Protein backbone atom coordinates (compact mmCIF):
# COMPACT_ATOMS: atom_id res chain seq x y z
CA UNK A 1 115.62 -15.86 81.93
CA UNK A 2 112.22 -13.86 81.20
CA UNK A 3 110.96 -14.58 77.68
CA UNK A 4 110.68 -11.77 75.13
CA UNK A 5 108.11 -9.26 74.59
CA UNK A 6 105.69 -9.30 71.95
CA UNK A 7 102.42 -7.23 72.04
CA UNK A 8 100.46 -8.75 69.01
CA UNK A 9 98.61 -11.34 71.22
CA UNK A 10 96.84 -8.55 73.25
CA UNK A 11 95.96 -6.27 70.36
CA UNK A 12 92.31 -7.82 70.21
CA UNK A 13 91.63 -6.84 73.74
CA UNK A 14 93.41 -3.74 73.28
CA UNK A 15 90.80 -2.92 70.29
CA UNK A 16 87.64 -4.15 72.12
CA UNK A 17 88.64 -1.73 75.05
CA UNK A 18 88.81 1.30 72.28
CA UNK A 19 85.28 0.90 71.32
CA UNK A 20 83.38 0.60 74.28
CA UNK A 21 79.38 0.46 74.33
CA UNK A 22 77.98 3.10 76.38
CA UNK A 23 75.23 2.61 79.38
CA UNK A 24 71.45 2.99 78.19
CA UNK A 25 70.95 6.46 79.91
CA UNK A 26 67.51 6.65 79.02
CA UNK A 27 66.75 3.19 80.99
CA UNK A 28 68.79 4.69 83.64
CA UNK A 29 66.40 8.03 83.57
CA UNK A 30 63.53 6.05 83.79
CA UNK A 31 64.04 4.06 86.75
CA UNK A 32 65.05 7.43 88.54
CA UNK A 33 61.82 8.80 87.48
CA UNK A 34 59.91 5.65 88.88
CA UNK A 35 61.40 6.28 92.12
CA UNK A 36 60.82 9.94 91.99
CA UNK A 37 56.92 9.17 91.53
CA UNK A 38 57.11 6.42 94.05
CA UNK A 39 55.09 7.26 97.50
CA UNK A 40 58.24 7.76 99.49
CA UNK A 41 60.45 10.26 100.75
CA UNK A 42 62.94 11.16 98.16
CA UNK A 43 66.31 9.23 98.24
CA UNK A 44 64.83 7.01 101.12
CA UNK A 45 65.96 3.82 99.87
CA UNK A 46 69.78 4.92 99.46
CA UNK A 47 72.09 2.99 97.72
CA UNK A 48 69.19 0.70 96.75
CA UNK A 49 67.80 3.13 94.35
CA UNK A 50 71.46 3.62 92.99
CA UNK A 51 71.70 -0.18 92.37
CA UNK A 52 68.47 -0.41 90.62
CA UNK A 53 69.77 2.57 88.16
CA UNK A 54 73.14 0.85 87.60
CA UNK A 55 71.39 -2.26 86.85
CA UNK A 56 69.37 -0.55 84.53
CA UNK A 57 71.96 1.51 82.76
CA UNK A 58 74.01 -1.71 81.99
CA UNK A 59 71.27 -4.14 81.25
CA UNK A 60 68.90 -1.77 79.35
CA UNK A 61 65.78 -2.69 81.27
CA UNK A 62 63.33 -0.32 82.78
CA UNK A 63 62.65 -1.29 85.29
CA UNK A 64 65.51 -3.95 85.36
CA UNK A 65 65.25 -7.91 86.06
CA UNK A 66 67.88 -10.20 86.93
CA UNK A 67 66.62 -13.65 85.66
CA UNK A 68 70.04 -15.30 84.97
CA UNK A 69 72.54 -14.42 87.52
CA UNK A 70 75.98 -16.38 87.38
CA UNK A 71 78.91 -16.62 90.01
CA UNK A 72 81.74 -17.40 87.76
CA UNK A 73 85.02 -18.69 90.03
CA UNK A 74 88.07 -18.85 88.41
CA UNK A 75 90.48 -21.14 90.17
CA UNK A 76 94.55 -21.38 89.48
CA UNK A 77 97.42 -22.23 90.92
CA UNK A 78 101.05 -20.21 91.15
CA UNK A 79 104.66 -21.12 91.33
CA UNK A 80 105.13 -18.36 93.77
CA UNK A 81 103.22 -20.27 96.15
CA UNK A 82 106.20 -22.37 96.96
CA UNK A 83 107.96 -19.67 98.78
CA UNK A 84 105.67 -20.33 101.81
CA UNK A 85 103.70 -16.93 101.35
CA UNK A 86 100.25 -18.77 102.35
CA UNK A 87 99.52 -20.92 105.30
CA UNK A 88 97.73 -23.16 102.87
CA UNK A 89 99.77 -25.86 100.81
CA UNK A 90 98.98 -25.47 96.75
CA UNK A 91 97.23 -28.61 96.62
CA UNK A 92 94.65 -26.32 98.92
CA UNK A 93 93.50 -24.87 95.77
CA UNK A 94 92.12 -28.37 93.86
CA UNK A 95 90.62 -29.42 97.25
CA UNK A 96 88.57 -25.91 97.58
CA UNK A 97 87.44 -26.50 93.84
CA UNK A 98 86.48 -30.09 94.75
CA UNK A 99 84.39 -29.16 97.68
CA UNK A 100 82.58 -26.34 95.43
CA UNK A 101 81.76 -29.40 93.16
CA UNK A 102 80.35 -31.45 95.98
CA UNK A 103 78.07 -28.46 97.05
CA UNK A 104 79.94 -27.92 100.48
CA UNK A 105 81.27 -24.88 100.05
CA UNK A 106 80.42 -21.30 101.50
CA UNK A 107 79.67 -20.23 97.94
CA UNK A 108 77.08 -23.12 97.46
CA UNK A 109 74.88 -22.18 100.31
CA UNK A 110 74.86 -18.29 99.42
CA UNK A 111 74.03 -19.20 95.79
CA UNK A 112 71.15 -21.36 97.18
CA UNK A 113 69.94 -18.56 99.59
CA UNK A 114 69.68 -16.17 96.67
CA UNK A 115 69.09 -18.48 93.41
CA UNK A 116 72.43 -17.74 91.82
CA UNK A 117 73.87 -20.00 88.89
CA UNK A 118 77.24 -21.38 90.01
CA UNK A 119 80.37 -22.29 87.60
CA UNK A 120 83.85 -22.94 88.93
CA UNK A 121 86.48 -22.81 86.22
CA UNK A 122 89.67 -24.93 86.67
CA UNK A 123 92.37 -23.09 85.15
CA UNK A 124 94.77 -26.07 84.58
CA UNK A 125 95.66 -26.57 88.13
CA UNK A 126 97.86 -29.12 87.51
CA UNK A 127 100.45 -26.69 85.90
CA UNK A 128 101.29 -23.60 88.19
CA UNK A 129 102.41 -20.53 86.77
CA UNK A 130 105.93 -19.65 86.96
CA UNK A 131 107.55 -18.00 90.20
CA UNK A 132 106.89 -14.52 89.45
CA UNK A 133 110.08 -13.78 91.64
CA UNK A 134 112.22 -15.66 88.62
CA UNK A 135 110.27 -15.16 85.61
CA UNK A 136 107.02 -14.21 83.92
CA UNK A 137 104.15 -16.03 85.10
CA UNK A 138 103.12 -16.79 81.73
CA UNK A 139 103.70 -15.60 78.14
CA UNK A 140 101.84 -13.46 76.15
CA UNK A 141 100.13 -16.22 74.00
CA UNK A 142 99.26 -18.03 77.01
CA UNK A 143 97.77 -15.00 78.97
CA UNK A 144 95.84 -13.87 76.11
CA UNK A 145 94.34 -17.44 75.24
CA UNK A 146 93.49 -17.67 79.14
CA UNK A 147 91.67 -14.03 78.72
CA UNK A 148 89.80 -15.39 75.79
CA UNK A 149 88.39 -18.39 77.75
CA UNK A 150 87.63 -16.02 80.84
CA UNK A 151 85.39 -14.04 78.19
CA UNK A 152 83.25 -17.71 77.85
CA UNK A 153 81.65 -16.73 81.37
CA UNK A 154 79.38 -14.15 79.73
CA UNK A 155 77.74 -16.80 77.70
CA UNK A 156 74.19 -18.45 77.36
CA UNK A 157 72.45 -15.42 78.29
CA UNK A 158 73.63 -14.40 81.73
CA UNK A 159 72.11 -10.99 82.79
CA UNK A 160 74.29 -10.56 86.28
CA UNK A 161 78.13 -11.62 86.64
CA UNK A 162 79.60 -12.20 89.65
CA UNK A 163 83.38 -12.52 89.44
CA UNK A 164 85.98 -14.35 92.05
CA UNK A 165 88.69 -16.65 92.59
CA UNK A 166 90.53 -19.50 94.19
CA UNK A 167 93.86 -19.97 94.58
CA UNK A 168 97.09 -20.19 97.05
CA UNK A 169 99.36 -17.42 96.49
CA UNK A 170 96.60 -15.31 94.72
CA UNK A 171 96.75 -12.63 97.29
CA UNK A 172 100.23 -12.36 96.42
CA UNK A 173 100.48 -12.19 92.81
CA UNK A 174 97.42 -9.61 93.06
CA UNK A 175 99.57 -7.30 95.28
CA UNK A 176 102.49 -7.69 92.55
CA UNK A 177 100.12 -6.51 90.22
CA UNK A 178 98.97 -3.56 92.23
CA UNK A 179 102.25 -2.52 93.27
CA UNK A 180 103.53 -2.57 89.66
CA UNK A 181 100.62 -0.39 88.88
CA UNK A 182 100.50 2.04 91.63
CA UNK A 183 104.17 2.03 92.97
CA UNK A 184 105.76 1.68 96.50
CA UNK A 185 106.92 -1.18 97.89
CA UNK A 186 105.58 -4.79 98.44
CA UNK A 187 104.66 -4.08 102.18
CA UNK A 188 102.29 -1.20 101.10
CA UNK A 189 100.15 -4.16 99.14
CA UNK A 190 100.47 -7.17 101.03
CA UNK A 191 97.64 -8.33 103.56
CA UNK A 192 97.08 -11.41 105.69
CA UNK A 193 94.83 -13.11 102.90
CA UNK A 194 93.91 -16.39 103.90
CA UNK A 195 95.63 -16.03 107.45
CA UNK A 196 99.17 -15.14 107.06
CA UNK A 197 101.20 -14.55 110.09
CA UNK A 198 104.21 -11.93 110.44
CA UNK A 199 106.51 -14.13 108.83
CA UNK A 200 104.45 -15.01 105.95
CA UNK A 201 103.49 -11.17 105.43
CA UNK A 202 107.36 -10.49 105.32
CA UNK A 203 108.14 -13.51 102.90
CA UNK A 204 104.98 -12.17 100.90
CA UNK A 205 106.15 -8.37 100.84
CA UNK A 206 109.89 -9.80 99.91
CA UNK A 207 108.31 -11.92 96.90
CA UNK A 208 106.51 -8.86 95.48
CA UNK A 209 109.34 -6.88 96.00
CA UNK A 210 111.73 -9.49 94.05
CA UNK A 211 108.82 -9.56 91.49
CA UNK A 212 108.73 -5.83 90.76
CA UNK A 213 112.78 -5.50 90.33
CA UNK A 214 112.64 -8.18 87.66
CA UNK A 215 109.50 -6.83 85.74
CA UNK A 216 109.80 -3.53 86.65
CA UNK A 217 110.69 -2.47 83.38
CA UNK A 218 107.56 -3.10 81.78
CA UNK A 219 105.56 -1.40 84.34
CA UNK A 220 103.82 0.97 81.78
CA UNK A 221 102.15 -1.72 79.93
CA UNK A 222 99.34 -2.97 82.03
CA UNK A 223 99.08 -6.13 79.97
CA UNK A 224 102.87 -7.11 80.12
CA UNK A 225 102.28 -6.35 83.95
CA UNK A 226 98.99 -9.05 83.97
CA UNK A 227 101.11 -11.68 82.18
CA UNK A 228 104.33 -11.22 83.98
CA UNK A 229 102.83 -11.05 87.73
CA UNK A 230 99.52 -12.14 87.42
CA UNK A 231 97.93 -15.61 87.35
CA UNK A 232 95.68 -17.35 85.44
CA UNK A 233 92.53 -16.53 87.11
CA UNK A 234 93.69 -12.88 87.03
CA UNK A 235 93.91 -13.10 83.13
CA UNK A 236 90.53 -15.01 82.95
CA UNK A 237 88.74 -12.32 85.14
CA UNK A 238 90.15 -9.52 82.97
CA UNK A 239 88.76 -11.21 79.79
CA UNK A 240 85.06 -11.98 81.48
CA UNK A 241 85.14 -8.21 82.33
CA UNK A 242 85.80 -7.05 78.69
CA UNK A 243 83.25 -9.27 77.41
CA UNK A 244 80.69 -8.51 80.02
CA UNK A 245 81.10 -4.74 79.07
CA UNK A 246 80.78 -5.43 75.24
CA UNK A 247 77.79 -7.47 76.16
CA UNK A 248 76.45 -4.97 78.53
CA UNK A 249 76.03 -7.50 81.52
CA UNK A 250 76.43 -5.79 84.96
CA UNK A 251 79.29 -7.53 86.82
CA UNK A 252 80.11 -8.02 90.72
CA UNK A 253 83.76 -7.94 91.41
CA UNK A 254 85.01 -9.57 94.76
CA UNK A 255 88.42 -10.68 95.78
CA UNK A 256 92.23 -9.91 95.15
CA UNK A 257 92.02 -11.36 91.71
CA UNK A 258 89.04 -9.42 90.27
CA UNK A 259 90.08 -6.15 91.80
CA UNK A 260 93.78 -6.71 90.47
CA UNK A 261 92.21 -7.73 86.85
CA UNK A 262 90.07 -4.75 87.15
CA UNK A 263 93.06 -2.40 88.10
CA UNK A 264 94.64 -3.71 84.87
CA UNK A 265 91.95 -2.86 82.73
CA UNK A 266 91.49 0.41 84.56
CA UNK A 267 94.95 1.47 83.66
CA UNK A 268 94.59 0.66 80.24
CA UNK A 269 91.30 2.44 79.63
CA UNK A 270 89.63 3.95 83.02
CA UNK A 271 86.01 3.99 81.37
CA UNK A 272 86.20 0.18 81.22
CA UNK A 273 84.55 -0.20 84.65
CA UNK A 274 81.02 1.72 84.64
CA UNK A 275 79.41 -1.65 84.37
CA UNK A 276 81.15 -3.04 87.11
CA UNK A 277 80.75 -2.80 91.15
CA UNK A 278 82.87 -4.03 94.10
CA UNK A 279 81.06 -6.31 96.59
CA UNK A 280 82.70 -5.96 99.61
CA UNK A 281 85.29 -3.60 101.04
CA UNK A 282 88.24 -5.98 101.25
CA UNK A 283 89.94 -6.53 104.83
CA UNK A 284 93.25 -6.07 103.27
CA UNK A 285 94.45 -2.37 103.45
CA UNK A 286 96.16 -2.67 100.10
CA UNK A 287 93.43 -4.00 98.19
CA UNK A 288 90.93 -1.81 99.71
CA UNK A 289 92.96 1.24 98.61
CA UNK A 290 92.88 -0.22 95.21
CA UNK A 291 89.35 -0.40 94.88
CA UNK A 292 89.01 2.83 96.03
CA UNK A 293 91.45 3.96 93.55
CA UNK A 294 89.02 2.37 90.95
CA UNK A 295 86.21 4.68 92.04
CA UNK A 296 84.04 1.81 92.93
CA UNK A 297 82.53 2.13 96.47
CA UNK A 298 82.12 -1.29 98.09
CA UNK A 299 78.51 -2.48 98.60
CA UNK A 300 79.12 -4.31 101.97
CA UNK A 301 81.18 -4.52 104.69
CA UNK A 302 81.37 -7.75 106.33
CA UNK A 303 85.14 -8.13 107.14
CA UNK A 304 85.00 -11.10 104.46
CA UNK A 305 88.36 -12.54 104.01
CA UNK A 306 87.04 -15.52 102.13
CA UNK A 307 87.91 -16.68 98.77
CA UNK A 308 85.25 -18.35 96.65
CA UNK A 309 83.27 -15.02 95.51
CA UNK A 310 81.20 -15.33 98.70
CA UNK A 311 80.89 -11.15 99.22
CA UNK A 312 79.76 -11.30 95.38
CA UNK A 313 76.99 -13.82 95.49
CA UNK A 314 76.02 -11.89 99.13
CA UNK A 315 75.74 -8.44 97.06
CA UNK A 316 73.94 -10.31 94.08
CA UNK A 317 71.18 -10.82 96.47
CA UNK A 318 70.97 -7.01 97.16
CA UNK A 319 71.06 -6.41 93.30
CA UNK A 320 68.18 -8.69 92.78
CA UNK A 321 66.27 -7.07 95.74
CA UNK A 322 66.64 -3.47 94.05
CA UNK A 323 65.64 -4.77 90.91
CA UNK A 324 62.39 -6.24 92.18
CA UNK A 325 62.05 -2.76 94.47
CA UNK A 326 62.15 -0.83 91.09
CA UNK A 327 59.78 -3.00 89.18
CA UNK A 328 57.57 -3.28 92.34
CA UNK A 329 57.23 0.13 92.51
CA UNK A 330 56.79 1.12 89.10
CA UNK A 331 53.76 -1.50 88.82
CA UNK A 332 52.08 0.80 91.27
CA UNK A 333 53.06 4.00 90.17
CA UNK A 334 50.34 5.23 87.26
CA UNK A 335 52.11 5.69 83.75
């Protein structure tokens, strides 16, 4: 049986999202001016100029700088993973977290290459969420508490936040979120994720369809969608995005959970994501379509199908380079 609905645990987040701070238009204009006065053809640095302007707008620096970047990875387990929707066993989530802790994961190497901080948040891996085809993944208070926990990723003076996830079954719950928010059938939103074959794709689509049938009456409330068919990593990332906006910290989104969480927040207030960019074009067509719906053009197209925020960390290297371009050119331009 599904639990009863109470909007109260989400009220603080709704209030935060009604009072969004604006970006620093003056800082953005200053960086545009610096590029315009530099000794180069107009617009010749392409999106690198746009990245520097975006970074200035949401950090307030003119020129901007990236001194304390952080890759925050949220790891969660899902009851729906028991429906054979992934080629990996549910235990693979904990093993991936352990590999990150030991420094042997792909994300560790990219963070070393670009001098990025890294934190992996274990979101009760020994307690999978409920199977979304049978019940709500989380109750309201647990979902709100996880969102609040995710907000802590912004603490400690972070000035660029890269968000990603680890979690067997995560692409299935992300697809369920997108299907409830945007309509269609499960097959329209599921993809291969970490390597699903044709039978697994069918089971993923069936799981999404079953979840939509069970929870569809609540699709008009995005927070209800989040807690009913999402996972702890989706909730934590949603909280991190909100906190980053409140603190004017630029954000790089990567992976299924990040785009699904951003989609939930966008459905509440489309203005929430001005401080965000999408790291890389997703290989799953449904996820790529969701990113387009958010109006966030992916920075990279490397055919990445890996978890762990690898795309976000690679994109962070470009953002740091854009900041250095603007600051170095500013030093060479007469005041």
